[in-house]
C-alpha atoms as a PDB file:
ATOM      1  CA  UNK A   1      16.561  53.835   0.176  1.00  0.00           C
ATOM      2  CA  UNK A   2      19.858  53.305  -1.563  1.00  0.00           C
ATOM      3  CA  UNK A   3      22.070  50.277  -1.099  1.00  0.00           C
ATOM      4  CA  UNK A   4      24.601  52.458   0.728  1.00  0.00           C
ATOM      5  CA  UNK A   5      21.914  53.705   3.132  1.00  0.00           C
ATOM      6  CA  UNK A   6      20.762  50.151   3.815  1.00  0.00           C
ATOM      7  CA  UNK A   7      24.358  49.047   4.445  1.00  0.00           C
ATOM      8  CA  UNK A   8      24.870  51.900   6.936  1.00  0.00           C
ATOM      9  CA  UNK A   9      21.705  50.985   8.837  1.00  0.00           C
ATOM     10  CA  UNK A  10      22.502  47.276   8.931  1.00  0.00           C
ATOM     11  CA  UNK A  11      26.107  47.812   9.970  1.00  0.00           C
ATOM     12  CA  UNK A  12      24.901  49.835  12.970  1.00  0.00           C
ATOM     13  CA  UNK A  13      23.021  46.813  14.339  1.00  0.00           C
ATOM     14  CA  UNK A  14      25.221  45.092  16.890  1.00  0.00           C
ATOM     15  CA  UNK A  15      23.811  41.651  16.060  1.00  0.00           C
ATOM     16  CA  UNK A  16      24.871  41.882  12.406  1.00  0.00           C
ATOM     17  CA  UNK A  17      28.302  40.339  11.900  1.00  0.00           C
ATOM     18  CA  UNK A  18      28.649  40.578   8.143  1.00  0.00           C
ATOM     19  CA  UNK A  19      26.941  42.229   5.186  1.00  0.00           C
ATOM     20  CA  UNK A  20      27.650  41.186   1.634  1.00  0.00           C
ATOM     21  CA  UNK A  21      26.284  42.532  -1.606  1.00  0.00           C
ATOM     22  CA  UNK A  22      25.584  40.648  -4.798  1.00  0.00           C
ATOM     23  CA  UNK A  23      24.513  41.528  -8.316  1.00  0.00           C
ATOM     24  CA  UNK A  24      22.790  38.342  -9.488  1.00  0.00           C
ATOM     25  CA  UNK A  25      20.863  35.473  -7.949  1.00  0.00           C
ATOM     26  CA  UNK A  26      23.557  33.127  -9.283  1.00  0.00           C
ATOM     27  CA  UNK A  27      26.200  35.095  -7.382  1.00  0.00           C
ATOM     28  CA  UNK A  28      24.046  34.957  -4.227  1.00  0.00           C
ATOM     29  CA  UNK A  29      23.552  31.204  -4.575  1.00  0.00           C
ATOM     30  CA  UNK A  30      27.264  30.605  -5.085  1.00  0.00           C
ATOM     31  CA  UNK A  31      28.121  32.706  -2.016  1.00  0.00           C
ATOM     32  CA  UNK A  32      25.544  30.912   0.124  1.00  0.00           C
ATOM     33  CA  UNK A  33      26.707  27.499  -1.094  1.00  0.00           C
ATOM     34  CA  UNK A  34      30.406  28.164  -0.433  1.00  0.00           C
ATOM     35  CA  UNK A  35      29.521  29.765   2.914  1.00  0.00           C
ATOM     36  CA  UNK A  36      32.929  31.414   3.164  1.00  0.00           C
ATOM     37  CA  UNK A  37      31.388  33.956   5.542  1.00  0.00           C
ATOM     38  CA  UNK A  38      30.322  31.220   7.965  1.00  0.00           C
ATOM     39  CA  UNK A  39      26.630  32.078   7.900  1.00  0.00           C
ATOM     40  CA  UNK A  40      24.617  30.521  10.675  1.00  0.00           C
ATOM     41  CA  UNK A  41      21.334  32.250   9.826  1.00  0.00           C
ATOM     42  CA  UNK A  42      19.847  34.086   6.870  1.00  0.00           C
ATOM     43  CA  UNK A  43      17.115  36.698   7.152  1.00  0.00           C
ATOM     44  CA  UNK A  44      14.694  37.245   4.276  1.00  0.00           C
ATOM     45  CA  UNK A  45      11.260  38.799   3.944  1.00  0.00           C
ATOM     46  CA  UNK A  46       8.219  36.924   5.227  1.00  0.00           C
ATOM     47  CA  UNK A  47       6.675  37.230   1.761  1.00  0.00           C
ATOM     48  CA  UNK A  48       9.060  34.431   0.691  1.00  0.00           C
ATOM     49  CA  UNK A  49       7.716  31.946   3.235  1.00  0.00           C
ATOM     50  CA  UNK A  50       6.372  28.870   1.431  1.00  0.00           C
ATOM     51  CA  UNK A  51       7.874  29.974  -1.891  1.00  0.00           C
ATOM     52  CA  UNK A  52      11.116  28.889  -3.525  1.00  0.00           C
ATOM     53  CA  UNK A  53      13.834  31.472  -2.897  1.00  0.00           C
ATOM     54  CA  UNK A  54      17.486  31.512  -3.843  1.00  0.00           C
ATOM     55  CA  UNK A  55      19.262  28.980  -1.658  1.00  0.00           C
ATOM     56  CA  UNK A  56      16.131  27.297  -0.290  1.00  0.00           C
ATOM     57  CA  UNK A  57      17.814  23.942  -0.910  1.00  0.00           C
ATOM     58  CA  UNK A  58      20.904  24.779   1.152  1.00  0.00           C
ATOM     59  CA  UNK A  59      21.356  23.827   4.829  1.00  0.00           C
ATOM     60  CA  UNK A  60      21.216  27.397   6.170  1.00  0.00           C
ATOM     61  CA  UNK A  61      18.723  28.330   8.881  1.00  0.00           C
ATOM     62  CA  UNK A  62      16.302  30.958   7.577  1.00  0.00           C
ATOM     63  CA  UNK A  63      14.416  33.571   9.568  1.00  0.00           C
ATOM     64  CA  UNK A  64      11.456  35.092   7.757  1.00  0.00           C
ATOM     65  CA  UNK A  65      11.259  38.721   8.814  1.00  0.00           C
ATOM     66  CA  UNK A  66       7.873  40.451   8.944  1.00  0.00           C
ATOM     67  CA  UNK A  67       7.552  44.192   8.641  1.00  0.00           C
ATOM     68  CA  UNK A  68       5.426  45.837  11.286  1.00  0.00           C
ATOM     69  CA  UNK A  69       4.685  48.838   9.116  1.00  0.00           C
ATOM     70  CA  UNK A  70       3.272  49.595   5.698  1.00  0.00           C
ATOM     71  CA  UNK A  71       6.202  51.714   4.489  1.00  0.00           C
ATOM     72  CA  UNK A  72       7.625  50.554   1.198  1.00  0.00           C
ATOM     73  CA  UNK A  73      10.456  52.307  -0.629  1.00  0.00           C
ATOM     74  CA  UNK A  74       9.202  50.800  -3.887  1.00  0.00           C
ATOM     75  CA  UNK A  75       5.707  52.208  -3.324  1.00  0.00           C
ATOM     76  CA  UNK A  76       7.201  55.582  -2.368  1.00  0.00           C
ATOM     77  CA  UNK A  77       9.266  55.678  -5.550  1.00  0.00           C
ATOM     78  CA  UNK A  78       6.168  54.838  -7.606  1.00  0.00           C
ATOM     79  CA  UNK A  79       4.150  57.603  -5.923  1.00  0.00           C
ATOM     80  CA  UNK A  80       6.907  60.147  -6.567  1.00  0.00           C
ATOM     81  CA  UNK A  81       7.249  59.016 -10.179  1.00  0.00           C
ATOM     82  CA  UNK A  82       3.490  59.256 -10.780  1.00  0.00           C
ATOM     83  CA  UNK A  83       3.288  62.680  -9.108  1.00  0.00           C
ATOM     84  CA  UNK A  84       6.168  63.996 -11.224  1.00  0.00           C
ATOM     85  CA  UNK A  85       4.642  62.543 -14.380  1.00  0.00           C
ATOM     86  CA  UNK A  86       1.286  64.165 -13.585  1.00  0.00           C
ATOM     87  CA  UNK A  87       2.970  67.489 -12.803  1.00  0.00           C
ATOM     88  CA  UNK A  88       4.851  67.486 -16.118  1.00  0.00           C
ATOM     89  CA  UNK A  89       1.733  66.730 -18.164  1.00  0.00           C
ATOM     90  CA  UNK A  90      -0.421  69.346 -16.383  1.00  0.00           C
END
């Protein structure tokens, strides 16, 4: 799923007030630290629970989101890549 597709989905959720994009972890940290958006909660993947993540030292409430499905866009991309590679070498 592209970044644009993710933005469209997130912006359709009535509970989402703001979406911001960043290119580097340093940019993310700076944005979180300045908190110009007025964040009151941050949502990240449950796989980060118990691990250091960007901004873990900042006073922002974090919700660790669990996926209730096994779908992974990364895994899908890998499967497509491998299938195409196998098709081209056959």
